[in-house]
Amino acid sequence: MEINAKSSDRNLLLEFSGELDHHGARNSLREVEMAIDAALPKTLVLDMSGITFMDSSGIALILRAQQRMQLLDGSVLVCNVPPQARRVLDAAGIGRLVTIR
């Protein structure tokens, strides 16, 4: 799992690539939290276009990011979700908690 972070004007874009599963989730969670803490964004965009596989670990990552952003009175947008990952998110009802485009 690789995460590319870009920050500007209180917006943080995190671009994910690879498999978001239990093997890479712990490091990915840490990277996401550190990026949020460093940028203190108002908007966090999680670009999932490079995800080749996602399991429930992806749900945990999004929920953790949402919790961090709530502390900052910010918002989370999940975008460019591949079909397999979208099915995982839809099954869990994540769209009720964060915006998915």
C-alpha atoms as a PDB file:
ATOM      1  CA  MET A   1       0.000   0.000   0.000  1.00  0.00           C
ATOM      2  CA  GLU A   2       1.325   3.374  -0.995  1.00  0.00           C
ATOM      3  CA  ILE A   3      -0.090   6.776  -0.038  1.00  0.00           C
ATOM      4  CA  ASN A   4       0.818  10.008  -1.794  1.00  0.00           C
ATOM      5  CA  ALA A   5      -0.085  13.172   0.155  1.00  0.00           C
ATOM      6  CA  LYS A   6      -0.650  16.622  -1.330  1.00  0.00           C
ATOM      7  CA  SER A   7      -1.656  19.574   0.821  1.00  0.00           C
ATOM      8  CA  SER A   8      -2.653  23.099  -0.130  1.00  0.00           C
ATOM      9  CA  ASP A   9      -4.927  25.783   1.245  1.00  0.00           C
ATOM     10  CA  ARG A  10      -6.272  23.654   4.172  1.00  0.00           C
ATOM     11  CA  ASN A  11      -7.113  20.807   1.783  1.00  0.00           C
ATOM     12  CA  LEU A  12      -5.368  17.454   2.023  1.00  0.00           C
ATOM     13  CA  LEU A  13      -5.439  14.946  -0.834  1.00  0.00           C
ATOM     14  CA  LEU A  14      -4.337  11.396  -0.078  1.00  0.00           C
ATOM     15  CA  GLU A  15      -3.925   9.172  -3.131  1.00  0.00           C
ATOM     16  CA  PHE A  16      -3.949   5.446  -2.385  1.00  0.00           C
ATOM     17  CA  SER A  17      -2.477   2.716  -4.552  1.00  0.00           C
ATOM     18  CA  GLY A  18      -2.179  -1.016  -4.007  1.00  0.00           C
ATOM     19  CA  GLU A  19      -4.045  -3.389  -1.735  1.00  0.00           C
ATOM     20  CA  LEU A  20      -5.754  -1.960   1.331  1.00  0.00           C
ATOM     21  CA  ASP A  21      -5.973  -5.089   3.454  1.00  0.00           C
ATOM     22  CA  HIS A  22      -5.020  -6.107   6.985  1.00  0.00           C
ATOM     23  CA  HIS A  23      -1.333  -6.453   6.024  1.00  0.00           C
ATOM     24  CA  GLY A  24      -0.910  -2.822   5.033  1.00  0.00           C
ATOM     25  CA  ALA A  25      -3.653  -1.221   7.098  1.00  0.00           C
ATOM     26  CA  ARG A  26      -1.664  -0.552  10.266  1.00  0.00           C
ATOM     27  CA  ASN A  27       1.023   1.427   8.425  1.00  0.00           C
ATOM     28  CA  SER A  28      -1.596   3.109   6.250  1.00  0.00           C
ATOM     29  CA  LEU A  29      -3.589   4.208   9.294  1.00  0.00           C
ATOM     30  CA  ARG A  30      -0.453   5.697  10.822  1.00  0.00           C
ATOM     31  CA  GLU A  31       0.420   7.512   7.575  1.00  0.00           C
ATOM     32  CA  VAL A  32      -3.089   8.954   7.261  1.00  0.00           C
ATOM     33  CA  GLU A  33      -3.107  10.161  10.870  1.00  0.00           C
ATOM     34  CA  MET A  34       0.340  11.742  10.520  1.00  0.00           C
ATOM     35  CA  ALA A  35      -0.677  13.495   7.292  1.00  0.00           C
ATOM     36  CA  ILE A  36      -3.834  14.888   8.923  1.00  0.00           C
ATOM     37  CA  ASP A  37      -1.911  16.023  12.003  1.00  0.00           C
ATOM     38  CA  ALA A  38       0.725  17.733   9.843  1.00  0.00           C
ATOM     39  CA  ALA A  39      -1.692  19.511   7.487  1.00  0.00           C
ATOM     40  CA  LEU A  40      -4.622  20.223   9.865  1.00  0.00           C
ATOM     41  CA  PRO A  41      -6.966  20.319   6.858  1.00  0.00           C
ATOM     42  CA  LYS A  42     -10.574  21.462   6.671  1.00  0.00           C
ATOM     43  CA  THR A  43     -11.197  19.001   3.846  1.00  0.00           C
ATOM     44  CA  LEU A  44      -9.667  15.566   3.482  1.00  0.00           C
ATOM     45  CA  VAL A  45      -9.979  13.886   0.080  1.00  0.00           C
ATOM     46  CA  LEU A  46      -9.233  10.175  -0.080  1.00  0.00           C
ATOM     47  CA  ASP A  47      -8.577   9.267  -3.721  1.00  0.00           C
ATOM     48  CA  MET A  48      -9.005   5.507  -4.031  1.00  0.00           C
ATOM     49  CA  SER A  49      -8.417   5.263  -7.796  1.00  0.00           C
ATOM     50  CA  GLY A  50      -5.241   3.206  -7.323  1.00  0.00           C
ATOM     51  CA  ILE A  51      -6.778   0.622  -4.977  1.00  0.00           C
ATOM     52  CA  THR A  52      -6.557  -2.870  -6.459  1.00  0.00           C
ATOM     53  CA  PHE A  53      -8.236  -4.645  -3.504  1.00  0.00           C
ATOM     54  CA  MET A  54      -9.898  -3.523  -0.287  1.00  0.00           C
ATOM     55  CA  ASP A  55     -11.343  -5.407   2.666  1.00  0.00           C
ATOM     56  CA  SER A  56     -12.785  -4.205   5.967  1.00  0.00           C
ATOM     57  CA  SER A  57      -9.432  -2.614   6.791  1.00  0.00           C
ATOM     58  CA  GLY A  58     -10.336   0.114   4.303  1.00  0.00           C
ATOM     59  CA  ILE A  59     -13.516   0.768   6.259  1.00  0.00           C
ATOM     60  CA  ALA A  60     -11.480   1.125   9.459  1.00  0.00           C
ATOM     61  CA  LEU A  61      -9.109   3.555   7.747  1.00  0.00           C
ATOM     62  CA  ILE A  62     -11.957   5.750   6.475  1.00  0.00           C
ATOM     63  CA  LEU A  63     -13.690   5.736   9.871  1.00  0.00           C
ATOM     64  CA  ARG A  64     -10.454   6.679  11.648  1.00  0.00           C
ATOM     65  CA  ALA A  65      -9.888   9.510   9.171  1.00  0.00           C
ATOM     66  CA  GLN A  66     -13.479  10.681   9.721  1.00  0.00           C
ATOM     67  CA  GLN A  67     -12.942  10.718  13.494  1.00  0.00           C
ATOM     68  CA  ARG A  68      -9.764  12.791  13.140  1.00  0.00           C
ATOM     69  CA  MET A  69     -11.485  15.218  10.800  1.00  0.00           C
ATOM     70  CA  GLN A  70     -14.433  15.633  13.185  1.00  0.00           C
ATOM     71  CA  LEU A  71     -11.962  16.812  15.830  1.00  0.00           C
ATOM     72  CA  LEU A  72     -10.840  19.485  13.348  1.00  0.00           C
ATOM     73  CA  ASP A  73     -14.429  20.372  12.363  1.00  0.00           C
ATOM     74  CA  GLY A  74     -13.519  19.169   8.885  1.00  0.00           C
ATOM     75  CA  SER A  75     -15.020  16.902   6.269  1.00  0.00           C
ATOM     76  CA  VAL A  76     -14.025  13.773   4.373  1.00  0.00           C
ATOM     77  CA  LEU A  77     -14.622  13.044   0.700  1.00  0.00           C
ATOM     78  CA  VAL A  78     -13.888   9.597  -0.704  1.00  0.00           C
ATOM     79  CA  CYS A  79     -13.572   9.625  -4.483  1.00  0.00           C
ATOM     80  CA  ASN A  80     -12.664   7.494  -7.490  1.00  0.00           C
ATOM     81  CA  VAL A  81     -13.557   4.254  -5.719  1.00  0.00           C
ATOM     82  CA  PRO A  82     -13.057   1.130  -7.880  1.00  0.00           C
ATOM     83  CA  PRO A  83     -16.056  -1.259  -8.147  1.00  0.00           C
ATOM     84  CA  GLN A  84     -14.739  -3.924  -5.741  1.00  0.00           C
ATOM     85  CA  ALA A  85     -13.911  -1.372  -3.056  1.00  0.00           C
ATOM     86  CA  ARG A  86     -17.243   0.385  -3.638  1.00  0.00           C
ATOM     87  CA  ARG A  87     -19.106  -2.849  -2.905  1.00  0.00           C
ATOM     88  CA  VAL A  88     -17.233  -3.132   0.424  1.00  0.00           C
ATOM     89  CA  LEU A  89     -18.100   0.468   1.350  1.00  0.00           C
ATOM     90  CA  ASP A  90     -21.739   0.124   0.261  1.00  0.00           C
ATOM     91  CA  ALA A  91     -22.182  -3.110   2.231  1.00  0.00           C
ATOM     92  CA  ALA A  92     -20.964  -1.329   5.365  1.00  0.00           C
ATOM     93  CA  GLY A  93     -23.091   1.773   4.797  1.00  0.00           C
ATOM     94  CA  ILE A  94     -20.078   4.103   4.861  1.00  0.00           C
ATOM     95  CA  GLY A  95     -21.896   6.510   2.537  1.00  0.00           C
ATOM     96  CA  ARG A  96     -24.058   7.554   5.494  1.00  0.00           C
ATOM     97  CA  LEU A  97     -20.971   8.840   7.322  1.00  0.00           C
ATOM     98  CA  VAL A  98     -18.793  10.319   4.577  1.00  0.00           C
ATOM     99  CA  THR A  99     -19.382  11.630   1.078  1.00  0.00           C
ATOM    100  CA  ILE A 100     -18.470   9.128  -1.641  1.00  0.00           C
ATOM    101  CA  ARG A 101     -18.174  10.300  -5.239  1.00  0.00           C
END
